C-alpha cells in the first residue's frame, strides 16, 4: 500500500520522474541474467535508453555503471559480494 501511494504520486507528478523510476526499476532485470552475452546485451540496451532519457541524474548513473562495466558483468555472472 505505501508503495502504491508512492507510485501513484509519481504518475501524477512530472513525466520525467516516472521515466526515471521506470529506468531504475528496469535495471533490476540485469541481475536475473547469468550469461555474459545476455548481461552485456541487456546492459547495452538499458544504457542506450538511460542516455536517451536526457535525465541528468540517470545519465550520470548510467555513465558510472559503464565505467565499472567489468565489475557489473562479473557480479552478474558470479553474485558473490
C-alpha atoms as a PDB file:
ATOM      1  CA  UNK A   1       0.000   0.000   0.000  1.00  0.00           C
ATOM      2  CA  UNK A   2       2.751   2.513   0.818  1.00  0.00           C
ATOM      3  CA  UNK A   3       4.488   1.696  -2.455  1.00  0.00           C
ATOM      4  CA  UNK A   4       1.230   2.075  -4.339  1.00  0.00           C
ATOM      5  CA  UNK A   5       0.838   5.589  -2.928  1.00  0.00           C
ATOM      6  CA  UNK A   6       4.381   6.497  -3.960  1.00  0.00           C
ATOM      7  CA  UNK A   7       3.823   5.117  -7.450  1.00  0.00           C
ATOM      8  CA  UNK A   8       0.531   6.992  -7.802  1.00  0.00           C
ATOM      9  CA  UNK A   9       2.311  10.185  -6.741  1.00  0.00           C
ATOM     10  CA  UNK A  10       4.942   9.604  -9.435  1.00  0.00           C
ATOM     11  CA  UNK A  11       2.281   9.113 -12.077  1.00  0.00           C
ATOM     12  CA  UNK A  12       0.564  12.358 -11.105  1.00  0.00           C
ATOM     13  CA  UNK A  13       3.913  14.139 -10.853  1.00  0.00           C
ATOM     14  CA  UNK A  14       6.064  15.002 -13.788  1.00  0.00           C
ATOM     15  CA  UNK A  15       6.736  12.700 -16.670  1.00  0.00           C
ATOM     16  CA  UNK A  16      10.469  12.839 -16.005  1.00  0.00           C
ATOM     17  CA  UNK A  17      10.052  11.314 -12.527  1.00  0.00           C
ATOM     18  CA  UNK A  18       8.083   8.383 -13.883  1.00  0.00           C
ATOM     19  CA  UNK A  19      10.645   7.828 -16.673  1.00  0.00           C
ATOM     20  CA  UNK A  20      13.462   7.839 -14.106  1.00  0.00           C
ATOM     21  CA  UNK A  21      11.524   5.395 -11.927  1.00  0.00           C
ATOM     22  CA  UNK A  22      10.888   3.098 -14.907  1.00  0.00           C
ATOM     23  CA  UNK A  23      14.577   3.081 -15.856  1.00  0.00           C
ATOM     24  CA  UNK A  24      15.631   2.387 -12.272  1.00  0.00           C
ATOM     25  CA  UNK A  25      13.207  -0.492 -11.964  1.00  0.00           C
ATOM     26  CA  UNK A  26      14.099  -1.949 -15.350  1.00  0.00           C
ATOM     27  CA  UNK A  27      17.783  -2.066 -14.350  1.00  0.00           C
ATOM     28  CA  UNK A  28      16.834  -4.632 -11.695  1.00  0.00           C
ATOM     29  CA  UNK A  29      16.297  -7.087 -14.541  1.00  0.00           C
ATOM     30  CA  UNK A  30      20.055  -7.129 -15.095  1.00  0.00           C
ATOM     31  CA  UNK A  31      20.569  -9.337 -12.051  1.00  0.00           C
ATOM     32  CA  UNK A  32      18.318 -12.081 -13.419  1.00  0.00           C
ATOM     33  CA  UNK A  33      20.855 -12.942 -16.146  1.00  0.00           C
ATOM     34  CA  UNK A  34      23.908 -15.150 -15.589  1.00  0.00           C
ATOM     35  CA  UNK A  35      25.427 -15.497 -19.063  1.00  0.00           C
ATOM     36  CA  UNK A  36      27.891 -12.787 -20.052  1.00  0.00           C
ATOM     37  CA  UNK A  37      26.335 -12.275 -23.502  1.00  0.00           C
ATOM     38  CA  UNK A  38      22.847 -11.832 -22.039  1.00  0.00           C
ATOM     39  CA  UNK A  39      24.095  -9.407 -19.370  1.00  0.00           C
ATOM     40  CA  UNK A  40      26.007  -7.433 -21.985  1.00  0.00           C
ATOM     41  CA  UNK A  41      23.005  -7.280 -24.325  1.00  0.00           C
ATOM     42  CA  UNK A  42      20.660  -6.174 -21.510  1.00  0.00           C
ATOM     43  CA  UNK A  43      23.065  -3.545 -20.206  1.00  0.00           C
ATOM     44  CA  UNK A  44      23.752  -2.162 -23.688  1.00  0.00           C
ATOM     45  CA  UNK A  45      20.043  -1.662 -24.297  1.00  0.00           C
ATOM     46  CA  UNK A  46      19.430  -0.216 -20.836  1.00  0.00           C
ATOM     47  CA  UNK A  47      22.395   2.139 -21.179  1.00  0.00           C
ATOM     48  CA  UNK A  48      21.125   3.443 -24.526  1.00  0.00           C
ATOM     49  CA  UNK A  49      17.682   4.095 -23.006  1.00  0.00           C
ATOM     50  CA  UNK A  50      19.201   5.820 -19.988  1.00  0.00           C
ATOM     51  CA  UNK A  51      21.371   8.120 -22.108  1.00  0.00           C
ATOM     52  CA  UNK A  52      18.462   8.939 -24.438  1.00  0.00           C
ATOM     53  CA  UNK A  53      16.310   9.829 -21.434  1.00  0.00           C
ATOM     54  CA  UNK A  54      18.243  13.114 -21.108  1.00  0.00           C
ATOM     55  CA  UNK A  55      17.640  12.979 -17.345  1.00  0.00           C
ATOM     56  CA  UNK A  56      20.921  14.170 -15.846  1.00  0.00           C
ATOM     57  CA  UNK A  57      20.879  12.028 -12.674  1.00  0.00           C
ATOM     58  CA  UNK A  58      20.028   8.952 -14.759  1.00  0.00           C
ATOM     59  CA  UNK A  59      22.736   9.650 -17.329  1.00  0.00           C
ATOM     60  CA  UNK A  60      25.290  10.154 -14.537  1.00  0.00           C
ATOM     61  CA  UNK A  61      24.445   6.754 -13.054  1.00  0.00           C
ATOM     62  CA  UNK A  62      24.487   5.130 -16.493  1.00  0.00           C
ATOM     63  CA  UNK A  63      27.940   6.525 -17.243  1.00  0.00           C
ATOM     64  CA  UNK A  64      29.225   5.442 -13.819  1.00  0.00           C
ATOM     65  CA  UNK A  65      27.915   1.909 -14.389  1.00  0.00           C
ATOM     66  CA  UNK A  66      29.532   1.840 -17.819  1.00  0.00           C
ATOM     67  CA  UNK A  67      32.881   2.848 -16.296  1.00  0.00           C
ATOM     68  CA  UNK A  68      32.514  -0.126 -13.939  1.00  0.00           C
ATOM     69  CA  UNK A  69      31.015  -2.474 -16.535  1.00  0.00           C
ATOM     70  CA  UNK A  70      33.609  -5.197 -15.927  1.00  0.00           C
ATOM     71  CA  UNK A  71      32.650  -5.402 -12.260  1.00  0.00           C
ATOM     72  CA  UNK A  72      28.939  -5.282 -13.048  1.00  0.00           C
ATOM     73  CA  UNK A  73      29.306  -8.108 -15.573  1.00  0.00           C
ATOM     74  CA  UNK A  74      31.429 -10.117 -13.175  1.00  0.00           C
ATOM     75  CA  UNK A  75      28.905  -9.718 -10.350  1.00  0.00           C
ATOM     76  CA  UNK A  76      26.010 -10.683 -12.600  1.00  0.00           C
ATOM     77  CA  UNK A  77      27.840 -13.876 -13.556  1.00  0.00           C
ATOM     78  CA  UNK A  78      29.079 -14.658 -10.037  1.00  0.00           C
ATOM     79  CA  UNK A  79      26.817 -12.935  -7.462  1.00  0.00           C
ATOM     80  CA  UNK A  80      29.295 -13.011  -4.604  1.00  0.00           C
ATOM     81  CA  UNK A  81      29.719  -9.880  -2.524  1.00  0.00           C
END
